[in-house]
Amino acid sequence: MPSCLRRCKLSTYLIFFGRTLGACFLVLIGFTGQAQASISFVQQNSSNPQTPQTTVTVPFPLAQTSGNLNIVVVGWNDSTATVASVNDTSGNIYSPALIPTVQSGTASLVIYYAKNIAGAAAGANSVTVTFAPAANFPDIRIAEYSGLDPVNPLDVAAGALGSAATSSSGAVTTTNANDLLVGANLVQTLTTGPGSGYTNRVITSPDGDILEDRVVTTTGSYTATAPVSPSGQWIMQMVAFRAAAGGVGVATTITT
């Protein structure tokens, strides 16, 4: 850097100052917006009625923060019912992260999400899943996360089925370095814990189905897994969501 030019960093600003052709100048570069948001789990809840249902409603027990991301895991124990709608009290819009994974004659599983949600008081927002026709033994898990992209959070997703002692979503290759990985299964036996690197958020009772998550900071190939006991049939899905982006720089020059 030329001796006439000096630079210092002050909070979220870079300041350049110096002299050229007898004039003093100051360049102030300010960074708008916030730094890379930290991805955080906020809350979860679940419901798994033991009779066929056309609707299942699950409340968020804590207050919800505007701009966060809602996850709804919808599982049911047949391959004929379909999800007619996923709605909530706050009017958030839910989309499937991928198509349902269906185990013929046995079970189905699909993950929905709502981006940039509206704020709500504790217990004021409830998710309602509607099936057509009635779904057998539905298992609904909901969760809220902060720090995700409010505009385009969905990165990649995968789903798989099988019969073994470990349920697995199959691998995805992320396109974004900072991602939240959300995995969920529907099993015919019991899930005994989260997969390696994942945190268990809930294993439903008595169904034994998991919702787990993991935060990653590099692109790569990732799989959600969870052990089941005894070995048996399972479906598993995993969705990767992008973290919220950081700010951009704006330069201002002052010459005297």
Protein backbone atom coordinates (compact mmCIF):
# COMPACT_ATOMS: atom_id res chain seq x y z
CA MET A 1 0.00 0.00 0.00
CA PRO A 2 1.47 3.44 -0.92
CA SER A 3 2.71 5.47 2.05
CA CYS A 4 0.15 8.17 1.25
CA LEU A 5 -2.72 5.71 1.77
CA ARG A 6 -3.70 4.29 5.12
CA ARG A 7 -6.39 1.78 6.02
CA CYS A 8 -8.12 0.90 9.24
CA LYS A 9 -11.07 -1.28 10.17
CA LEU A 10 -13.74 0.02 12.48
CA SER A 11 -16.62 -2.29 13.37
CA THR A 12 -18.43 -2.99 10.04
CA TYR A 13 -16.52 -0.32 8.11
CA LEU A 14 -13.24 -0.20 6.20
CA ILE A 15 -11.77 3.32 6.13
CA PHE A 16 -9.12 4.38 3.59
CA PHE A 17 -7.55 7.85 3.84
CA GLY A 18 -4.63 9.62 2.16
CA ARG A 19 -3.54 12.46 -0.12
CA THR A 20 -3.29 12.74 -3.90
CA LEU A 21 -2.46 15.79 -6.05
CA GLY A 22 -2.58 17.97 -2.97
CA ALA A 23 -6.09 16.91 -2.00
CA CYS A 24 -7.04 14.81 1.00
CA PHE A 25 -9.51 12.01 0.49
CA LEU A 26 -11.42 9.54 2.62
CA VAL A 27 -13.02 6.34 1.38
CA LEU A 28 -15.55 4.77 3.70
CA ILE A 29 -16.80 1.29 2.87
CA GLY A 30 -19.77 0.25 4.95
CA PHE A 31 -21.28 -3.22 4.90
CA THR A 32 -25.06 -3.23 4.75
CA GLY A 33 -27.15 -5.91 6.34
CA GLN A 34 -25.96 -8.43 8.91
CA ALA A 35 -23.05 -10.82 8.96
CA GLN A 36 -23.62 -14.51 8.11
CA ALA A 37 -26.50 -15.58 10.30
CA SER A 38 -25.97 -18.44 12.71
CA ILE A 39 -28.34 -21.36 12.13
CA SER A 40 -30.19 -22.33 15.31
CA PHE A 41 -32.88 -24.78 16.33
CA VAL A 42 -35.75 -22.95 18.05
CA GLN A 43 -38.50 -25.45 18.95
CA GLN A 44 -40.35 -28.64 18.00
CA ASN A 45 -43.59 -30.47 18.63
CA SER A 46 -45.27 -33.61 17.34
CA SER A 47 -48.48 -35.62 17.18
CA ASN A 48 -48.98 -39.25 16.21
CA PRO A 49 -52.59 -40.36 16.76
CA GLN A 50 -53.12 -44.11 16.76
CA THR A 51 -56.24 -44.09 14.59
CA PRO A 52 -56.88 -43.04 10.96
CA GLN A 53 -57.17 -39.24 10.60
CA THR A 54 -58.22 -36.79 7.90
CA THR A 55 -56.68 -33.84 9.78
CA VAL A 56 -53.93 -33.53 12.39
CA THR A 57 -53.22 -30.22 14.14
CA VAL A 58 -49.97 -29.52 15.99
CA PRO A 59 -49.25 -26.21 17.80
CA PHE A 60 -45.92 -24.43 18.13
CA PRO A 61 -45.63 -24.14 21.94
CA LEU A 62 -43.22 -21.17 21.98
CA ALA A 63 -43.40 -17.74 20.35
CA GLN A 64 -42.39 -17.70 16.68
CA THR A 65 -40.01 -15.12 15.22
CA SER A 66 -40.69 -13.35 11.94
CA GLY A 67 -38.33 -14.46 9.16
CA ASN A 68 -37.61 -17.92 10.55
CA LEU A 69 -38.19 -21.28 8.81
CA ASN A 70 -40.84 -23.87 9.73
CA ILE A 71 -40.43 -27.57 8.98
CA VAL A 72 -43.33 -30.06 8.87
CA VAL A 73 -42.55 -33.77 8.60
CA VAL A 74 -45.61 -35.72 7.42
CA GLY A 75 -45.56 -39.49 7.76
CA TRP A 76 -48.39 -42.02 7.60
CA ASN A 77 -48.71 -45.78 7.58
CA ASP A 78 -50.29 -46.54 4.23
CA SER A 79 -49.54 -45.89 0.56
CA THR A 80 -53.00 -44.80 -0.58
CA ALA A 81 -53.69 -41.56 1.33
CA THR A 82 -52.16 -38.31 0.06
CA VAL A 83 -51.47 -34.93 1.65
CA ALA A 84 -54.26 -32.59 0.55
CA SER A 85 -52.86 -29.51 2.28
CA VAL A 86 -50.50 -28.16 4.94
CA ASN A 87 -51.55 -24.85 6.49
CA ASP A 88 -51.12 -22.92 9.71
CA THR A 89 -52.94 -20.32 11.75
CA SER A 90 -50.49 -17.57 10.78
CA GLY A 91 -51.11 -17.98 7.05
CA ASN A 92 -47.58 -19.13 6.21
CA ILE A 93 -47.22 -20.89 2.86
CA TYR A 94 -45.94 -24.49 2.97
CA SER A 95 -44.25 -26.26 0.07
CA PRO A 96 -43.02 -29.85 -0.24
CA ALA A 97 -39.23 -30.02 -0.25
CA LEU A 98 -39.47 -33.13 -2.46
CA ILE A 99 -42.07 -35.65 -3.56
CA PRO A 100 -43.35 -38.23 -1.05
CA THR A 101 -41.27 -41.36 -0.62
CA VAL A 102 -43.75 -44.25 -0.70
CA GLN A 103 -43.23 -47.82 0.50
CA SER A 104 -45.91 -49.71 -1.43
CA GLY A 105 -48.60 -51.12 0.83
CA THR A 106 -46.85 -49.90 3.98
CA ALA A 107 -46.07 -46.20 4.52
CA SER A 108 -45.36 -42.74 3.07
CA LEU A 109 -43.21 -39.76 4.12
CA VAL A 110 -42.73 -36.17 2.90
CA ILE A 111 -41.15 -33.01 4.36
CA TYR A 112 -42.76 -29.58 3.94
CA TYR A 113 -41.32 -26.16 4.80
CA ALA A 114 -42.44 -22.53 5.09
CA LYS A 115 -39.86 -19.77 4.57
CA ASN A 116 -39.80 -16.26 6.03
CA ILE A 117 -42.58 -17.02 8.49
CA ALA A 118 -44.77 -14.50 10.30
CA GLY A 119 -44.20 -13.88 13.99
CA ALA A 120 -46.67 -15.36 16.47
CA ALA A 121 -47.20 -15.43 20.23
CA ALA A 122 -46.54 -18.60 22.21
CA GLY A 123 -49.13 -21.25 21.31
CA ALA A 124 -50.85 -18.96 18.80
CA ASN A 125 -49.72 -20.74 15.63
CA SER A 126 -50.77 -24.31 14.85
CA VAL A 127 -50.01 -26.43 11.79
CA THR A 128 -52.85 -28.48 10.29
CA VAL A 129 -52.16 -31.35 7.88
CA THR A 130 -55.13 -32.59 5.86
CA PHE A 131 -55.19 -36.01 4.20
CA ALA A 132 -57.41 -37.46 1.46
CA PRO A 133 -58.62 -40.06 2.24
CA ALA A 134 -57.93 -40.55 5.96
CA ALA A 135 -54.32 -41.53 6.67
CA ASN A 136 -53.52 -44.54 8.82
CA PHE A 137 -51.54 -43.74 12.00
CA PRO A 138 -50.19 -40.35 10.86
CA ASP A 139 -47.00 -39.06 12.48
CA ILE A 140 -46.52 -35.27 12.28
CA ARG A 141 -43.38 -33.49 13.49
CA ILE A 142 -42.93 -29.72 13.33
CA ALA A 143 -39.88 -27.56 14.01
CA GLU A 144 -38.73 -23.94 13.77
CA TYR A 145 -35.21 -22.79 12.84
CA SER A 146 -33.56 -19.38 12.66
CA GLY A 147 -30.74 -18.15 10.43
CA LEU A 148 -32.01 -19.58 7.12
CA ASP A 149 -32.32 -17.79 3.78
CA PRO A 150 -35.74 -16.07 3.84
CA VAL A 151 -36.02 -15.92 0.03
CA ASN A 152 -34.61 -19.17 -1.37
CA PRO A 153 -33.76 -21.56 1.48
CA LEU A 154 -34.09 -24.93 -0.30
CA ASP A 155 -30.74 -26.31 -1.47
CA VAL A 156 -31.14 -30.05 -2.18
CA ALA A 157 -33.18 -33.00 -0.89
CA ALA A 158 -33.27 -36.80 -1.04
CA GLY A 159 -35.44 -39.71 0.02
CA ALA A 160 -35.00 -43.47 0.19
CA LEU A 161 -36.60 -46.60 1.62
CA GLY A 162 -35.46 -50.03 2.64
CA SER A 163 -35.39 -52.76 5.25
CA ALA A 164 -32.31 -52.86 7.48
CA ALA A 165 -30.96 -51.88 10.90
CA THR A 166 -30.11 -48.36 9.71
CA SER A 167 -32.51 -45.98 7.98
CA SER A 168 -30.89 -43.71 5.38
CA SER A 169 -32.04 -40.84 3.17
CA GLY A 170 -29.50 -41.52 0.46
CA ALA A 171 -26.80 -38.99 -0.39
CA VAL A 172 -27.15 -35.42 -1.64
CA THR A 173 -24.43 -33.06 -2.83
CA THR A 174 -24.95 -29.59 -1.41
CA THR A 175 -24.38 -26.50 -3.55
CA ASN A 176 -24.07 -24.06 -0.63
CA ALA A 177 -21.34 -24.16 2.02
CA ASN A 178 -23.43 -23.21 5.06
CA ASP A 179 -26.45 -25.50 5.21
CA LEU A 180 -28.90 -26.93 7.71
CA LEU A 181 -29.53 -30.65 7.11
CA VAL A 182 -32.88 -31.92 8.40
CA GLY A 183 -33.48 -35.66 8.43
CA ALA A 184 -36.65 -37.58 9.32
CA ASN A 185 -37.78 -41.18 9.06
CA LEU A 186 -40.88 -43.35 9.35
CA VAL A 187 -40.16 -46.84 10.65
CA GLN A 188 -42.03 -50.07 11.26
CA THR A 189 -39.92 -50.87 14.34
CA LEU A 190 -38.28 -48.17 16.54
CA THR A 191 -35.59 -45.54 15.97
CA THR A 192 -32.99 -45.74 18.75
CA GLY A 193 -31.15 -42.45 18.20
CA PRO A 194 -29.76 -39.96 15.68
CA GLY A 195 -27.27 -40.73 12.96
CA SER A 196 -23.59 -39.83 13.24
CA GLY A 197 -23.09 -36.05 13.34
CA TYR A 198 -26.81 -35.35 13.81
CA THR A 199 -28.74 -34.05 16.83
CA ASN A 200 -31.99 -35.73 17.85
CA ARG A 201 -34.85 -33.22 18.19
CA VAL A 202 -37.63 -35.74 18.80
CA ILE A 203 -38.35 -39.46 18.55
CA THR A 204 -42.13 -39.76 18.58
CA SER A 205 -43.87 -42.08 21.01
CA PRO A 206 -45.14 -44.70 20.54
CA ASP A 207 -44.25 -44.65 16.82
CA GLY A 208 -40.48 -44.27 17.21
CA ASP A 209 -39.88 -41.88 14.28
CA ILE A 210 -37.08 -39.30 14.44
CA LEU A 211 -36.53 -35.67 13.49
CA GLU A 212 -32.81 -34.84 13.51
CA ASP A 213 -30.59 -32.05 12.21
CA ARG A 214 -27.02 -31.06 11.49
CA VAL A 215 -25.29 -27.82 10.47
CA VAL A 216 -22.49 -28.06 7.88
CA THR A 217 -20.04 -25.40 6.71
CA THR A 218 -18.61 -26.91 3.51
CA THR A 219 -20.18 -28.22 0.33
CA GLY A 220 -20.04 -31.96 -0.13
CA SER A 221 -21.94 -35.23 -0.14
CA TYR A 222 -24.16 -35.76 2.93
CA THR A 223 -26.57 -38.45 4.10
CA ALA A 224 -29.00 -38.55 7.01
CA THR A 225 -29.10 -41.86 8.86
CA ALA A 226 -30.65 -43.23 12.05
CA PRO A 227 -30.39 -46.70 13.62
CA VAL A 228 -33.55 -48.78 14.06
CA SER A 229 -34.19 -51.78 16.31
CA PRO A 230 -35.09 -54.43 15.55
CA SER A 231 -34.13 -54.34 11.90
CA GLY A 232 -37.17 -53.56 9.77
CA GLN A 233 -38.78 -51.49 7.04
CA TRP A 234 -38.17 -47.74 6.96
CA ILE A 235 -38.47 -44.58 4.87
CA MET A 236 -36.12 -41.62 5.34
CA GLN A 237 -35.82 -38.14 3.81
CA MET A 238 -33.25 -35.39 4.22
CA VAL A 239 -33.47 -31.73 3.15
CA ALA A 240 -30.61 -29.20 3.02
CA PHE A 241 -31.51 -25.55 3.64
CA ARG A 242 -29.27 -22.56 2.89
CA ALA A 243 -28.12 -20.20 5.63
CA ALA A 244 -29.05 -16.54 5.34
CA ALA A 245 -26.46 -14.54 3.38
CA GLY A 246 -24.22 -11.79 4.78
CA GLY A 247 -24.20 -8.11 3.83
CA VAL A 248 -22.68 -6.33 0.82
CA GLY A 249 -20.27 -3.41 0.72
CA VAL A 250 -21.15 0.17 -0.24
CA ALA A 251 -18.32 2.67 -0.84
CA THR A 252 -18.44 6.42 -0.24
CA THR A 253 -15.60 8.86 -1.11
CA ILE A 254 -15.15 12.24 0.59
CA THR A 255 -12.56 14.65 -0.88
CA THR A 256 -11.39 17.90 0.73
